[in-house]
Amino acid sequence: MKKQLCAVQMHWKVSDYRSPESFESKINTIMKNIEGKTGPDTISLVVFPEDVGTPLVFLNSYEAVKNASTLTQAIQKLIKMNLPKVLFYRIWFGVGWIRALALARSKEISKVYFDVFSRMAKSYDTYIVAGSILLPGFRWEQNTKKIGYSIPDGNVYNIAFLFNREGKLAGVQKKTHLVPDLEDMGGFDLSAGAIDELEVFDTPFGKIGIAICLDCFKESVIKALANKGTDILVQPSANCKVWDKSEQEGWMEGCFKAMETEKKFKYAVNPMMTGCLFDLCFEGQSSILSNVNVVEGNIGNDKSMKNNLTNNLTNNLTKDSAMMGYKDMEKTKSFVRMASTSSGEEILFLTIP
């Protein structure tokens, strides 16, 4: 059976989150697209961008917030709509308004998030890294579908979840480094995960290590994941800055640098979110990177072996295909799949040996 990595560059809008049905329709459309380009003898690891589940906070509230001109205005309307519950959590845990809103909405949105991605993984017989979502530290049991929805404390994290082919939860990873003025107390008031809680998850593709967006730029995270034997580095991302050359240069310090520093990583998958949530807009080119050169790998001079390997792959890692780069940057090695746009929706595929 062939194996492939899929990076979903998703384009979101608030209306995608107006109801459980609209959210499922959005994710299902993407999964159908992937299925349509995948053979029956292929198993996929599908990776969605960071925060793919976060706008579920607007679930069943779209009509009330759709005319807001800014994200701040939309959140203020949500707080007023949910004021009794928000006040309860704000007083009970002694937290700010935004974190109290996240706690107040957490049970409803998490159930939709888990239900949709669990069903997608099982229906399409795939592994899914379901981007991330802002949630409290619920009690979840890996290798089951059981989630305990009791809120344990006042913390809210940016958390990534891995679902296996049976739709069961196979991995959980909290983001350990928060973006200043966006995710910390100056923004969404999130809590940071601990470095010593970083895990690596066994899959048919190899051991997966998840570094949510900014985490992939941090040496402590990369070294921890490398020391735990990560084969595939997964970086779900959402970049809320203009994708100009300066920004592209900065992103070379993420997966690309990690792959150069830790040669034990075989692949890296970096899906990016695009589109706007009110006045907050996201840009970026998704990519897949590889330290495995199939044509010139450690297979000596055996021409027949080289031919067999390349013929068995639908997406060969040739010299030409292994020279890619962000749109304003020079092409370089390691990048083997790159989105053609920084603002649209695309899916990148890479078949791996």
Protein backbone atom coordinates (compact mmCIF):
# COMPACT_ATOMS: atom_id res chain seq x y z
CA MET A 1 0.00 0.00 0.00
CA LYS A 2 1.27 3.46 -0.92
CA LYS A 3 1.49 6.23 1.65
CA GLN A 4 1.11 9.91 1.05
CA LEU A 5 1.36 13.16 2.96
CA CYS A 6 -1.25 15.85 2.31
CA ALA A 7 -0.93 19.49 3.35
CA VAL A 8 -4.26 21.33 3.26
CA GLN A 9 -3.92 25.03 2.52
CA MET A 10 -7.42 25.98 3.59
CA HIS A 11 -9.20 29.24 2.76
CA TRP A 12 -11.64 30.12 5.51
CA LYS A 13 -14.47 32.59 5.98
CA VAL A 14 -16.80 33.15 8.91
CA SER A 15 -19.78 31.63 7.08
CA ASP A 16 -17.98 28.25 7.06
CA TYR A 17 -18.64 28.19 10.81
CA ARG A 18 -22.26 29.34 10.91
CA SER A 19 -23.55 25.86 11.82
CA PRO A 20 -22.28 22.31 12.45
CA GLU A 21 -23.54 21.41 8.98
CA SER A 22 -21.66 24.21 7.21
CA PHE A 23 -18.43 23.34 9.01
CA GLU A 24 -18.77 19.66 8.15
CA SER A 25 -19.58 20.57 4.55
CA LYS A 26 -16.39 22.63 4.31
CA ILE A 27 -14.18 19.85 5.71
CA ASN A 28 -15.98 17.15 3.71
CA THR A 29 -15.45 19.06 0.45
CA ILE A 30 -11.72 19.14 1.12
CA MET A 31 -11.64 15.44 1.98
CA LYS A 32 -13.58 14.57 -1.17
CA ASN A 33 -11.03 16.52 -3.19
CA ILE A 34 -8.25 14.52 -1.59
CA GLU A 35 -10.07 11.24 -2.18
CA GLY A 36 -10.55 12.15 -5.84
CA LYS A 37 -6.80 12.45 -6.31
CA THR A 38 -5.88 9.37 -4.30
CA GLY A 39 -5.76 5.79 -5.51
CA PRO A 40 -7.61 2.99 -3.71
CA ASP A 41 -4.31 1.47 -2.60
CA THR A 42 -3.10 4.65 -0.86
CA ILE A 43 -3.28 5.62 2.80
CA SER A 44 -3.02 9.34 3.58
CA LEU A 45 -1.88 11.55 6.42
CA VAL A 46 -3.96 14.72 5.98
CA VAL A 47 -2.80 17.82 7.87
CA PHE A 48 -5.07 20.85 8.33
CA PRO A 49 -3.86 24.35 9.33
CA GLU A 50 -3.63 25.85 12.79
CA ASP A 51 -6.88 27.20 14.30
CA VAL A 52 -9.10 25.35 11.83
CA GLY A 53 -11.53 24.70 14.70
CA THR A 54 -11.20 28.03 16.52
CA PRO A 55 -13.92 29.99 14.63
CA LEU A 56 -16.44 27.40 15.80
CA VAL A 57 -16.84 29.90 18.63
CA PHE A 58 -19.20 31.68 16.16
CA LEU A 59 -21.31 28.52 15.83
CA ASN A 60 -25.02 29.34 15.57
CA SER A 61 -24.21 33.03 16.02
CA TYR A 62 -23.39 33.99 12.44
CA GLU A 63 -26.41 36.23 11.84
CA ALA A 64 -25.56 38.24 14.94
CA VAL A 65 -21.89 38.82 14.08
CA LYS A 66 -21.77 38.77 10.27
CA ASN A 67 -21.92 42.57 9.94
CA ALA A 68 -19.17 43.24 12.48
CA SER A 69 -16.33 45.20 10.91
CA THR A 70 -13.65 43.80 13.21
CA LEU A 71 -12.95 40.55 15.04
CA THR A 72 -12.98 42.50 18.31
CA GLN A 73 -16.52 43.72 17.61
CA ALA A 74 -17.64 40.19 16.78
CA ILE A 75 -16.18 38.82 20.01
CA GLN A 76 -17.82 41.60 22.03
CA LYS A 77 -21.20 40.65 20.52
CA LEU A 78 -20.58 37.01 21.41
CA ILE A 79 -19.77 37.92 24.99
CA LYS A 80 -23.04 39.84 25.31
CA MET A 81 -24.99 36.96 23.75
CA ASN A 82 -23.47 34.49 26.23
CA LEU A 83 -23.17 36.88 29.17
CA PRO A 84 -24.56 34.68 32.01
CA LYS A 85 -22.20 31.76 31.24
CA VAL A 86 -19.28 34.08 30.46
CA LEU A 87 -19.76 35.87 33.80
CA PHE A 88 -19.90 32.55 35.62
CA TYR A 89 -16.54 31.36 34.26
CA ARG A 90 -14.97 34.81 34.61
CA ILE A 91 -15.84 34.90 38.33
CA TRP A 92 -15.33 31.20 39.06
CA PHE A 93 -11.82 31.00 37.58
CA GLY A 94 -10.84 34.67 37.87
CA VAL A 95 -10.05 35.02 34.16
CA GLY A 96 -10.52 37.74 31.54
CA TRP A 97 -13.50 38.19 29.24
CA ILE A 98 -12.03 36.44 26.20
CA ARG A 99 -10.87 33.38 28.10
CA ALA A 100 -14.21 33.24 29.90
CA LEU A 101 -15.95 33.27 26.51
CA ALA A 102 -13.75 30.41 25.29
CA LEU A 103 -14.62 28.39 28.39
CA ALA A 104 -18.32 29.16 28.06
CA ARG A 105 -18.41 27.97 24.44
CA SER A 106 -15.91 25.12 24.78
CA LYS A 107 -18.24 22.16 25.28
CA GLU A 108 -20.48 22.96 22.33
CA ILE A 109 -17.73 23.73 19.84
CA SER A 110 -15.45 20.88 20.89
CA LYS A 111 -18.22 18.32 20.38
CA VAL A 112 -18.73 19.56 16.81
CA TYR A 113 -14.99 19.64 16.14
CA PHE A 114 -14.36 16.12 17.46
CA ASP A 115 -17.45 14.68 15.81
CA VAL A 116 -16.64 16.10 12.36
CA PHE A 117 -12.96 15.17 12.25
CA SER A 118 -13.55 11.75 13.79
CA ARG A 119 -16.19 11.02 11.16
CA MET A 120 -14.00 12.36 8.33
CA ALA A 121 -11.03 10.19 9.37
CA LYS A 122 -13.20 7.08 9.54
CA SER A 123 -15.25 7.79 6.41
CA TYR A 124 -12.21 8.48 4.25
CA ASP A 125 -9.98 5.89 5.93
CA THR A 126 -7.24 8.43 6.65
CA TYR A 127 -5.13 9.77 9.45
CA ILE A 128 -5.91 13.44 10.12
CA VAL A 129 -3.99 16.05 12.05
CA ALA A 130 -7.01 18.30 12.59
CA GLY A 131 -5.09 21.56 12.69
CA SER A 132 -5.76 23.06 16.08
CA ILE A 133 -8.51 24.60 18.20
CA LEU A 134 -8.63 26.71 21.36
CA LEU A 135 -9.92 24.54 24.20
CA PRO A 136 -9.49 23.92 27.92
CA GLY A 137 -7.56 20.84 29.00
CA PHE A 138 -10.40 18.36 28.71
CA ARG A 139 -9.75 14.77 29.75
CA TRP A 140 -9.24 12.74 26.61
CA GLU A 141 -8.30 9.12 26.23
CA GLN A 142 -6.09 8.28 23.28
CA ASN A 143 -7.03 5.36 21.03
CA THR A 144 -10.69 5.88 21.92
CA LYS A 145 -13.46 8.28 21.00
CA LYS A 146 -13.95 9.21 24.65
CA ILE A 147 -13.65 12.86 25.58
CA GLY A 148 -14.39 14.12 29.06
CA TYR A 149 -16.00 17.53 28.67
CA SER A 150 -15.62 18.62 32.28
CA ILE A 151 -13.62 21.87 32.45
CA PRO A 152 -10.79 21.22 34.94
CA ASP A 153 -9.48 24.76 35.42
CA GLY A 154 -9.35 28.21 33.87
CA ASN A 155 -6.69 27.41 31.27
CA VAL A 156 -7.37 27.53 27.53
CA TYR A 157 -4.78 26.12 25.13
CA ASN A 158 -4.08 26.04 21.41
CA ILE A 159 -4.28 22.26 20.90
CA ALA A 160 -3.70 19.95 17.92
CA PHE A 161 -5.41 16.56 17.67
CA LEU A 162 -4.49 13.48 15.63
CA PHE A 163 -7.23 11.07 14.52
CA ASN A 164 -6.53 7.57 13.18
CA ARG A 165 -8.30 5.68 10.38
CA GLU A 166 -10.95 4.41 12.78
CA GLY A 167 -11.81 7.96 13.78
CA LYS A 168 -10.28 7.50 17.22
CA LEU A 169 -8.11 10.03 18.98
CA ALA A 170 -4.48 9.03 18.48
CA GLY A 171 -2.58 12.09 19.68
CA VAL A 172 -2.92 15.43 21.50
CA GLN A 173 -0.40 18.27 21.49
CA LYS A 174 -0.59 21.70 23.15
CA LYS A 175 1.20 24.70 21.70
CA THR A 176 4.08 25.66 23.98
CA HIS A 177 4.99 29.12 22.65
CA LEU A 178 2.37 31.84 22.20
CA VAL A 179 2.48 34.61 19.59
CA PRO A 180 3.00 37.94 21.44
CA ASP A 181 -0.04 40.26 21.44
CA LEU A 182 -2.12 37.69 19.57
CA GLU A 183 -2.25 34.57 21.73
CA ASP A 184 -0.83 35.77 25.05
CA MET A 185 -2.51 38.10 27.56
CA GLY A 186 -2.35 40.91 24.99
CA GLY A 187 -4.60 38.92 22.65
CA PHE A 188 -6.63 35.73 23.10
CA ASP A 189 -5.22 35.19 26.60
CA LEU A 190 -4.21 31.57 26.06
CA SER A 191 -2.18 29.28 28.30
CA ALA A 192 1.06 27.71 27.09
CA GLY A 193 1.70 23.99 27.10
CA ALA A 194 4.83 22.55 28.71
CA ILE A 195 7.92 21.46 26.78
CA ASP A 196 8.21 18.28 28.85
CA GLU A 197 4.70 17.28 27.75
CA LEU A 198 5.66 17.12 24.06
CA GLU A 199 4.92 13.69 22.62
CA VAL A 200 5.62 11.71 19.46
CA PHE A 201 2.92 9.51 17.95
CA ASP A 202 3.43 6.18 16.17
CA THR A 203 1.63 5.85 12.83
CA PRO A 204 2.06 3.79 9.64
CA PHE A 205 3.91 6.80 8.20
CA GLY A 206 6.47 6.86 10.98
CA LYS A 207 6.63 8.78 14.24
CA ILE A 208 4.82 12.10 14.05
CA GLY A 209 5.88 15.13 16.08
CA ILE A 210 3.57 18.16 16.11
CA ALA A 211 4.96 21.68 16.49
CA ILE A 212 2.09 24.16 16.19
CA CYS A 213 3.18 27.18 14.15
CA LEU A 214 5.55 29.26 16.36
CA ASP A 215 6.70 26.10 18.17
CA CYS A 216 8.52 25.01 15.03
CA PHE A 217 10.73 28.10 15.29
CA LYS A 218 11.85 27.21 18.81
CA GLU A 219 15.03 25.17 19.28
CA SER A 220 13.81 23.64 22.54
CA VAL A 221 10.74 22.18 20.78
CA ILE A 222 12.66 20.91 17.77
CA LYS A 223 15.31 19.24 19.89
CA ALA A 224 12.69 17.64 22.15
CA LEU A 225 10.81 16.19 19.18
CA ALA A 226 14.03 15.04 17.52
CA ASN A 227 15.22 13.34 20.72
CA LYS A 228 11.91 11.48 20.90
CA GLY A 229 12.52 10.01 17.45
CA THR A 230 10.27 12.12 15.22
CA ASP A 231 10.26 11.03 11.58
CA ILE A 232 7.63 13.47 10.30
CA LEU A 233 7.56 17.02 11.65
CA VAL A 234 4.06 18.51 11.38
CA GLN A 235 3.59 22.27 11.66
CA PRO A 236 -0.05 23.41 11.38
CA SER A 237 0.14 27.17 10.82
CA ALA A 238 -1.93 30.34 10.49
CA ASN A 239 0.10 33.44 9.61
CA CYS A 240 -1.75 36.74 10.10
CA LYS A 241 0.83 38.90 8.33
CA VAL A 242 1.31 39.97 4.72
CA TRP A 243 3.23 37.28 2.83
CA ASP A 244 5.95 39.60 1.51
CA LYS A 245 9.61 38.75 1.04
CA SER A 246 10.50 39.75 4.59
CA GLU A 247 7.86 37.40 5.98
CA GLN A 248 9.03 34.60 3.70
CA GLU A 249 12.60 35.07 4.91
CA GLY A 250 11.35 34.78 8.47
CA TRP A 251 9.56 31.52 7.71
CA MET A 252 12.83 29.98 6.54
CA GLU A 253 13.60 29.80 10.28
CA GLY A 254 10.76 27.31 10.77
CA CYS A 255 10.47 23.88 9.15
CA PHE A 256 13.30 24.55 6.72
CA LYS A 257 15.78 25.32 9.50
CA ALA A 258 14.48 22.42 11.58
CA MET A 259 15.06 20.03 8.69
CA GLU A 260 18.55 21.40 8.15
CA THR A 261 19.40 21.21 11.85
CA GLU A 262 17.90 17.81 12.60
CA LYS A 263 18.65 15.50 9.68
CA LYS A 264 16.83 12.70 11.50
CA PHE A 265 13.55 14.33 10.44
CA LYS A 266 12.60 12.63 7.19
CA TYR A 267 9.71 14.91 6.23
CA ALA A 268 7.99 18.09 7.35
CA VAL A 269 4.41 19.11 6.54
CA ASN A 270 3.46 22.78 6.90
CA PRO A 271 -0.15 23.63 5.93
CA MET A 272 -1.13 27.30 6.08
CA MET A 273 -4.47 29.03 6.59
CA THR A 274 -5.59 31.74 4.16
CA GLY A 275 -8.54 34.12 4.09
CA CYS A 276 -10.00 36.61 6.57
CA LEU A 277 -11.98 36.47 9.79
CA PHE A 278 -13.45 39.96 9.77
CA ASP A 279 -10.40 42.29 9.78
CA LEU A 280 -7.85 39.58 10.68
CA CYS A 281 -6.40 38.15 7.47
CA PHE A 282 -4.07 35.21 6.91
CA GLU A 283 -1.55 34.51 4.16
CA GLY A 284 1.14 31.94 3.51
CA GLN A 285 2.42 29.26 1.18
CA SER A 286 1.97 25.70 2.41
CA SER A 287 4.86 23.31 1.86
CA ILE A 288 6.15 19.79 2.28
CA LEU A 289 9.86 19.27 2.90
CA SER A 290 12.02 16.18 2.72
CA ASN A 291 15.44 15.01 3.78
CA VAL A 292 14.85 11.84 1.75
CA ASN A 293 16.04 12.07 -1.84
CA VAL A 294 14.55 8.98 -3.45
CA VAL A 295 16.62 9.19 -6.61
CA GLU A 296 19.92 9.95 -4.91
CA GLY A 297 19.26 8.35 -1.54
CA ASN A 298 21.31 5.66 0.14
CA ILE A 299 20.76 3.07 -2.56
CA GLY A 300 24.23 2.99 -4.05
CA ASN A 301 24.68 2.58 -7.79
CA ASP A 302 22.05 -0.09 -8.26
CA LYS A 303 20.18 1.31 -11.29
CA SER A 304 17.43 -1.28 -11.13
CA MET A 305 16.72 -0.36 -7.50
CA LYS A 306 16.59 3.32 -8.41
CA ASN A 307 14.17 2.59 -11.23
CA ASN A 308 11.95 0.47 -9.03
CA LEU A 309 11.80 3.11 -6.32
CA THR A 310 10.99 5.96 -8.68
CA ASN A 311 8.43 3.95 -10.63
CA ASN A 312 6.61 3.03 -7.42
CA LEU A 313 6.11 6.67 -6.47
CA THR A 314 3.43 8.80 -8.08
CA ASN A 315 5.30 11.96 -7.07
CA ASN A 316 8.99 11.34 -7.63
CA LEU A 317 11.51 13.33 -5.64
CA THR A 318 13.80 14.15 -8.54
CA LYS A 319 16.48 16.81 -8.56
CA ASP A 320 14.13 19.27 -10.26
CA SER A 321 11.15 18.66 -7.98
CA ALA A 322 13.37 19.00 -4.93
CA MET A 323 14.27 22.59 -5.82
CA MET A 324 11.43 24.84 -4.76
CA GLY A 325 11.00 27.96 -2.68
CA TYR A 326 8.62 30.65 -1.49
CA LYS A 327 7.45 32.92 -4.29
CA ASP A 328 9.96 35.73 -3.72
CA MET A 329 12.83 33.50 -2.60
CA GLU A 330 15.39 31.44 -4.43
CA LYS A 331 14.65 27.77 -4.95
CA THR A 332 16.44 25.50 -2.54
CA LYS A 333 16.68 21.88 -1.52
CA SER A 334 14.41 20.37 1.12
CA PHE A 335 11.26 21.96 -0.29
CA VAL A 336 9.61 19.28 -2.44
CA ARG A 337 6.03 20.58 -2.60
CA MET A 338 5.01 24.23 -2.49
CA ALA A 339 1.65 25.98 -2.84
CA SER A 340 1.42 28.19 -5.93
CA THR A 341 -0.43 30.96 -4.10
CA SER A 342 -0.34 32.54 -0.66
CA SER A 343 -4.02 33.46 -0.60
CA GLY A 344 -5.97 30.60 -2.19
CA GLU A 345 -6.98 27.08 -1.26
CA GLU A 346 -4.73 24.21 -2.37
CA ILE A 347 -3.82 20.68 -1.38
CA LEU A 348 -0.26 19.42 -1.65
CA PHE A 349 0.43 15.70 -2.12
CA LEU A 350 3.62 13.72 -1.64
CA THR A 351 3.86 9.97 -1.95
CA ILE A 352 6.54 8.59 0.34
CA PRO A 353 8.38 5.25 0.25
